[in-house]
Amino acid sequence: MSTLAIWLVRLVVALHVLIGLAEIFAGRRLIKTKFGFPASSTVELDITARIAANAGLYNLFVAIVAFWALSRVERDMAFIVLILCFVIVAGVFGAVTLRKPAVFVLQSIPATMAVLAIWTW
């Protein structure tokens, strides 16, 4: 695996740690500011924030597994590519369902670059 590919996978790991922590600890604030949630519906906001925290935990799991796969002596390229493909699909799905292209840019593009770097070098 090339140095570029390793650094791109590390970037994906770092992004997912940040996304996961933001969803877990700042979910309520993010939902209000980024998704225009009405301030009058606090019950729905609380429920949505708990769902975001759950999604954040999944993002942390993706980061942990990708970091673990990358740090092993015998790196399993197919496994790392599989994890990155999950990230790509999650980014596309998030961008479509949330109608936020930034989700695609933040998740799918770095993961796609990492896959391309793994395959080409």
Protein backbone atom coordinates (compact mmCIF):
# COMPACT_ATOMS: atom_id res chain seq x y z
CA MET A 1 0.00 0.00 0.00
CA SER A 2 1.42 3.37 -0.97
CA THR A 3 2.13 6.14 1.48
CA LEU A 4 -0.53 8.26 -0.20
CA ALA A 5 -3.13 5.52 0.25
CA ILE A 6 -2.20 5.11 3.92
CA TRP A 7 -2.57 8.83 4.54
CA LEU A 8 -5.90 8.96 2.72
CA VAL A 9 -7.24 6.07 4.81
CA ARG A 10 -5.99 7.89 7.92
CA LEU A 11 -7.87 10.98 6.72
CA VAL A 12 -11.07 8.92 6.41
CA VAL A 13 -10.48 7.57 9.94
CA ALA A 14 -9.95 11.08 11.33
CA LEU A 15 -13.04 12.42 9.57
CA HIS A 16 -15.18 9.62 10.97
CA VAL A 17 -13.86 10.20 14.47
CA LEU A 18 -14.80 13.88 14.14
CA ILE A 19 -18.19 13.10 12.60
CA GLY A 20 -18.91 10.51 15.28
CA LEU A 21 -17.95 12.81 18.15
CA ALA A 22 -19.96 15.68 16.66
CA GLU A 23 -23.04 13.50 16.26
CA ILE A 24 -22.72 12.10 19.78
CA PHE A 25 -21.89 15.24 21.72
CA ALA A 26 -23.21 18.11 19.58
CA GLY A 27 -26.11 16.36 17.86
CA ARG A 28 -28.82 18.61 19.23
CA ARG A 29 -26.99 21.81 18.25
CA LEU A 30 -26.03 20.44 14.81
CA ILE A 31 -29.59 19.42 14.06
CA LYS A 32 -30.92 22.86 14.97
CA THR A 33 -28.30 24.84 13.06
CA LYS A 34 -27.54 22.66 10.05
CA PHE A 35 -30.98 21.18 9.39
CA GLY A 36 -33.24 24.07 10.42
CA PHE A 37 -35.16 22.16 13.05
CA PRO A 38 -37.93 24.35 14.52
CA ALA A 39 -37.16 25.46 18.07
CA SER A 40 -40.75 24.83 19.14
CA SER A 41 -40.54 21.06 18.77
CA THR A 42 -38.13 20.15 21.57
CA VAL A 43 -39.46 16.61 22.01
CA GLU A 44 -38.80 15.76 18.37
CA LEU A 45 -35.43 17.48 18.58
CA ASP A 46 -34.45 15.37 21.60
CA ILE A 47 -35.49 12.17 19.85
CA THR A 48 -33.64 13.16 16.68
CA ALA A 49 -30.54 14.05 18.71
CA ARG A 50 -30.57 10.55 20.26
CA ILE A 51 -30.80 9.04 16.79
CA ALA A 52 -27.87 11.21 15.68
CA ALA A 53 -25.86 10.02 18.71
CA ASN A 54 -26.53 6.44 17.67
CA ALA A 55 -25.33 7.23 14.14
CA GLY A 56 -22.26 8.85 15.68
CA LEU A 57 -21.44 5.63 17.46
CA TYR A 58 -21.58 3.79 14.14
CA ASN A 59 -19.22 6.37 12.63
CA LEU A 60 -16.80 5.79 15.49
CA PHE A 61 -17.02 2.04 14.86
CA VAL A 62 -16.16 2.59 11.19
CA ALA A 63 -13.15 4.67 12.24
CA ILE A 64 -11.99 2.07 14.77
CA VAL A 65 -12.28 -0.83 12.33
CA ALA A 66 -10.53 1.11 9.54
CA PHE A 67 -7.74 2.13 11.92
CA TRP A 68 -7.38 -1.45 13.15
CA ALA A 69 -7.25 -2.82 9.59
CA LEU A 70 -4.68 -0.21 8.59
CA SER A 71 -2.47 -0.79 11.64
CA ARG A 72 -2.18 -4.56 11.21
CA VAL A 73 1.17 -5.87 9.99
CA GLU A 74 -0.49 -7.86 7.20
CA ARG A 75 -2.83 -5.24 5.83
CA ASP A 76 -5.82 -6.83 4.16
CA MET A 77 -6.39 -4.49 1.22
CA ALA A 78 -9.73 -6.09 0.32
CA PHE A 79 -11.03 -5.49 3.85
CA ILE A 80 -9.85 -1.88 3.86
CA VAL A 81 -11.46 -1.29 0.45
CA LEU A 82 -14.68 -2.86 1.76
CA ILE A 83 -14.75 -0.46 4.71
CA LEU A 84 -14.06 2.46 2.37
CA CYS A 85 -16.88 1.33 0.07
CA PHE A 86 -19.24 1.34 3.08
CA VAL A 87 -18.15 4.93 3.73
CA ILE A 88 -18.73 5.88 0.08
CA VAL A 89 -22.23 4.40 0.08
CA ALA A 90 -23.05 6.04 3.42
CA GLY A 91 -21.92 9.40 2.03
CA VAL A 92 -24.05 9.03 -1.10
CA PHE A 93 -27.06 7.85 0.91
CA GLY A 94 -26.64 10.67 3.43
CA ALA A 95 -26.35 13.29 0.72
CA VAL A 96 -29.50 12.02 -1.01
CA THR A 97 -31.66 11.48 2.08
CA LEU A 98 -30.55 14.61 3.94
CA ARG A 99 -30.38 16.70 0.76
CA LYS A 100 -26.97 17.96 1.88
CA PRO A 101 -24.20 17.63 -0.73
CA ALA A 102 -21.64 18.39 1.99
CA VAL A 103 -22.22 14.88 3.37
CA PHE A 104 -21.10 13.46 0.03
CA VAL A 105 -18.07 15.74 -0.10
CA LEU A 106 -17.04 15.02 3.48
CA GLN A 107 -17.48 11.23 3.39
CA SER A 108 -17.53 9.85 -0.13
CA ILE A 109 -14.82 11.88 -1.85
CA PRO A 110 -11.97 11.14 0.64
CA ALA A 111 -12.96 7.46 0.74
CA THR A 112 -13.09 7.29 -3.07
CA MET A 113 -9.66 8.91 -3.29
CA ALA A 114 -8.32 6.33 -0.81
CA VAL A 115 -9.77 3.44 -2.83
CA LEU A 116 -8.29 4.83 -6.03
CA ALA A 117 -4.91 5.27 -4.32
CA ILE A 118 -5.01 1.67 -3.09
CA TRP A 119 -5.93 0.31 -6.52
CA THR A 120 -3.52 2.40 -8.56
CA TRP A 121 -0.33 2.33 -6.51
